[in-house]
């Protein structure tokens, strides 16, 4: 069973990952 804190950390990690991809995409162009 996954703890809620682990889920929130995972979601935050995914959001940060997407933000990093967007920032890299913007910088590339």
PDB file of N, CA and C in Angstrom:
ATOM      1  N   UNK A   1       0.845  -1.208   0.000  1.00  0.00           N
ATOM      2  CA  UNK A   1       0.000   0.000   0.000  1.00  0.00           C
ATOM      3  C   UNK A   1       0.875   1.251   0.000  1.00  0.00           C
ATOM      4  N   UNK A   2       0.531   2.172  -0.872  1.00  0.00           N
ATOM      5  CA  UNK A   2       1.328   3.391  -1.001  1.00  0.00           C
ATOM      6  C   UNK A   2       0.818   4.470  -0.054  1.00  0.00           C
ATOM      7  N   UNK A   3       1.755   5.139   0.595  1.00  0.00           N
ATOM      8  CA  UNK A   3       1.359   6.214   1.506  1.00  0.00           C
ATOM      9  C   UNK A   3       1.034   7.485   0.719  1.00  0.00           C
ATOM     10  N   UNK A   4       0.061   8.269   1.183  1.00  0.00           N
ATOM     11  CA  UNK A   4      -0.309   9.520   0.503  1.00  0.00           C
ATOM     12  C   UNK A   4       0.892  10.434   0.276  1.00  0.00           C
ATOM     13  N   UNK A   5       1.803  10.457   1.251  1.00  0.00           N
ATOM     14  CA  UNK A   5       2.973  11.326   1.113  1.00  0.00           C
ATOM     15  C   UNK A   5       3.803  10.897  -0.092  1.00  0.00           C
ATOM     16  N   UNK A   6       3.894   9.591  -0.316  1.00  0.00           N
ATOM     17  CA  UNK A   6       4.663   9.085  -1.450  1.00  0.00           C
ATOM     18  C   UNK A   6       3.984   9.497  -2.753  1.00  0.00           C
ATOM     19  N   UNK A   7       2.658   9.450  -2.751  1.00  0.00           N
ATOM     20  CA  UNK A   7       1.919   9.836  -3.960  1.00  0.00           C
ATOM     21  C   UNK A   7       2.133  11.312  -4.261  1.00  0.00           C
ATOM     22  N   UNK A   8       2.044  12.150  -3.244  1.00  0.00           N
ATOM     23  CA  UNK A   8       2.217  13.591  -3.452  1.00  0.00           C
ATOM     24  C   UNK A   8       3.641  13.882  -3.933  1.00  0.00           C
ATOM     25  N   UNK A   9       4.631  13.175  -3.350  1.00  0.00           N
ATOM     26  CA  UNK A   9       6.017  13.371  -3.774  1.00  0.00           C
ATOM     27  C   UNK A   9       6.163  12.971  -5.242  1.00  0.00           C
ATOM     28  N   UNK A  10       5.506  11.873  -5.620  1.00  0.00           N
ATOM     29  CA  UNK A  10       5.596  11.399  -6.999  1.00  0.00           C
ATOM     30  C   UNK A  10       4.970  12.429  -7.937  1.00  0.00           C
ATOM     31  N   UNK A  11       3.811  12.956  -7.559  1.00  0.00           N
ATOM     32  CA  UNK A  11       3.147  13.958  -8.400  1.00  0.00           C
ATOM     33  C   UNK A  11       4.017  15.201  -8.531  1.00  0.00           C
ATOM     34  N   UNK A  12       4.613  15.629  -7.431  1.00  0.00           N
ATOM     35  CA  UNK A  12       5.484  16.806  -7.472  1.00  0.00           C
ATOM     36  C   UNK A  12       6.664  16.543  -8.392  1.00  0.00           C
ATOM     37  N   UNK A  13       7.205  15.333  -8.327  1.00  0.00           N
ATOM     38  CA  UNK A  13       8.333  14.969  -9.180  1.00  0.00           C
ATOM     39  C   UNK A  13       7.934  15.023 -10.646  1.00  0.00           C
ATOM     40  N   UNK A  14       6.748  14.530 -10.964  1.00  0.00           N
ATOM     41  CA  UNK A  14       6.272  14.546 -12.354  1.00  0.00           C
ATOM     42  C   UNK A  14       6.079  15.986 -12.831  1.00  0.00           C
ATOM     43  N   UNK A  15       5.514  16.821 -11.962  1.00  0.00           N
ATOM     44  CA  UNK A  15       5.290  18.228 -12.326  1.00  0.00           C
ATOM     45  C   UNK A  15       6.634  18.914 -12.577  1.00  0.00           C
ATOM     46  N   UNK A  16       7.596  18.691 -11.685  1.00  0.00           N
ATOM     47  CA  UNK A  16       8.918  19.306 -11.861  1.00  0.00           C
ATOM     48  C   UNK A  16       9.541  18.819 -13.155  1.00  0.00           C
ATOM     49  N   UNK A  17       9.369  17.519 -13.455  1.00  0.00           N
ATOM     50  CA  UNK A  17       9.935  16.944 -14.675  1.00  0.00           C
ATOM     51  C   UNK A  17       9.342  17.622 -15.902  1.00  0.00           C
ATOM     52  N   UNK A  18       8.023  17.818 -15.902  1.00  0.00           N
ATOM     53  CA  UNK A  18       7.360  18.477 -17.032  1.00  0.00           C
ATOM     54  C   UNK A  18       7.825  19.920 -17.150  1.00  0.00           C
ATOM     55  N   UNK A  19       7.954  20.607 -16.021  1.00  0.00           N
ATOM     56  CA  UNK A  19       8.407  22.003 -16.050  1.00  0.00           C
ATOM     57  C   UNK A  19       9.817  22.080 -16.625  1.00  0.00           C
ATOM     58  N   UNK A  20      10.683  21.116 -16.247  1.00  0.00           N
ATOM     59  CA  UNK A  20      12.047  21.108 -16.766  1.00  0.00           C
ATOM     60  C   UNK A  20      12.037  20.892 -18.269  1.00  0.00           C
ATOM     61  N   UNK A  21      11.189  19.975 -18.742  1.00  0.00           N
ATOM     62  CA  UNK A  21      11.102  19.717 -20.178  1.00  0.00           C
ATOM     63  C   UNK A  21      10.634  20.972 -20.902  1.00  0.00           C
ATOM     64  N   UNK A  22       9.631  21.651 -20.345  1.00  0.00           N
ATOM     65  CA  UNK A  22       9.115  22.871 -20.982  1.00  0.00           C
ATOM     66  C   UNK A  22      10.196  23.943 -21.024  1.00  0.00           C
ATOM     67  N   UNK A  23      10.923  24.128 -19.940  1.00  0.00           N
ATOM     68  CA  UNK A  23      11.961  25.156 -19.893  1.00  0.00           C
ATOM     69  C   UNK A  23      13.068  24.835 -20.898  1.00  0.00           C
ATOM     70  N   UNK A  24      13.440  23.557 -21.005  1.00  0.00           N
ATOM     71  CA  UNK A  24      14.466  23.168 -21.967  1.00  0.00           C
ATOM     72  C   UNK A  24      13.968  23.407 -23.392  1.00  0.00           C
ATOM     73  N   UNK A  25      12.706  23.089 -23.642  1.00  0.00           N
ATOM     74  CA  UNK A  25      12.117  23.284 -24.971  1.00  0.00           C
ATOM     75  C   UNK A  25      12.131  24.761 -25.338  1.00  0.00           C
ATOM     76  N   UNK A  26      11.774  25.621 -24.357  1.00  0.00           N
ATOM     77  CA  UNK A  26      11.747  27.067 -24.610  1.00  0.00           C
ATOM     78  C   UNK A  26      13.163  27.581 -24.871  1.00  0.00           C
ATOM     79  N   UNK A  27      14.119  27.115 -24.092  1.00  0.00           N
ATOM     80  CA  UNK A  27      15.505  27.569 -24.261  1.00  0.00           C
ATOM     81  C   UNK A  27      16.073  27.101 -25.594  1.00  0.00           C
ATOM     82  N   UNK A  28      15.668  25.894 -26.030  1.00  0.00           N
ATOM     83  CA  UNK A  28      16.172  25.353 -27.296  1.00  0.00           C
ATOM     84  C   UNK A  28      15.728  26.240 -28.464  1.00  0.00           C
ATOM     85  N   UNK A  29      14.560  26.859 -28.311  1.00  0.00           N
ATOM     86  CA  UNK A  29      14.051  27.717 -29.376  1.00  0.00           C
ATOM     87  C   UNK A  29      14.198  29.170 -28.964  1.00  0.00           C
TER      88      UNK A  29
END
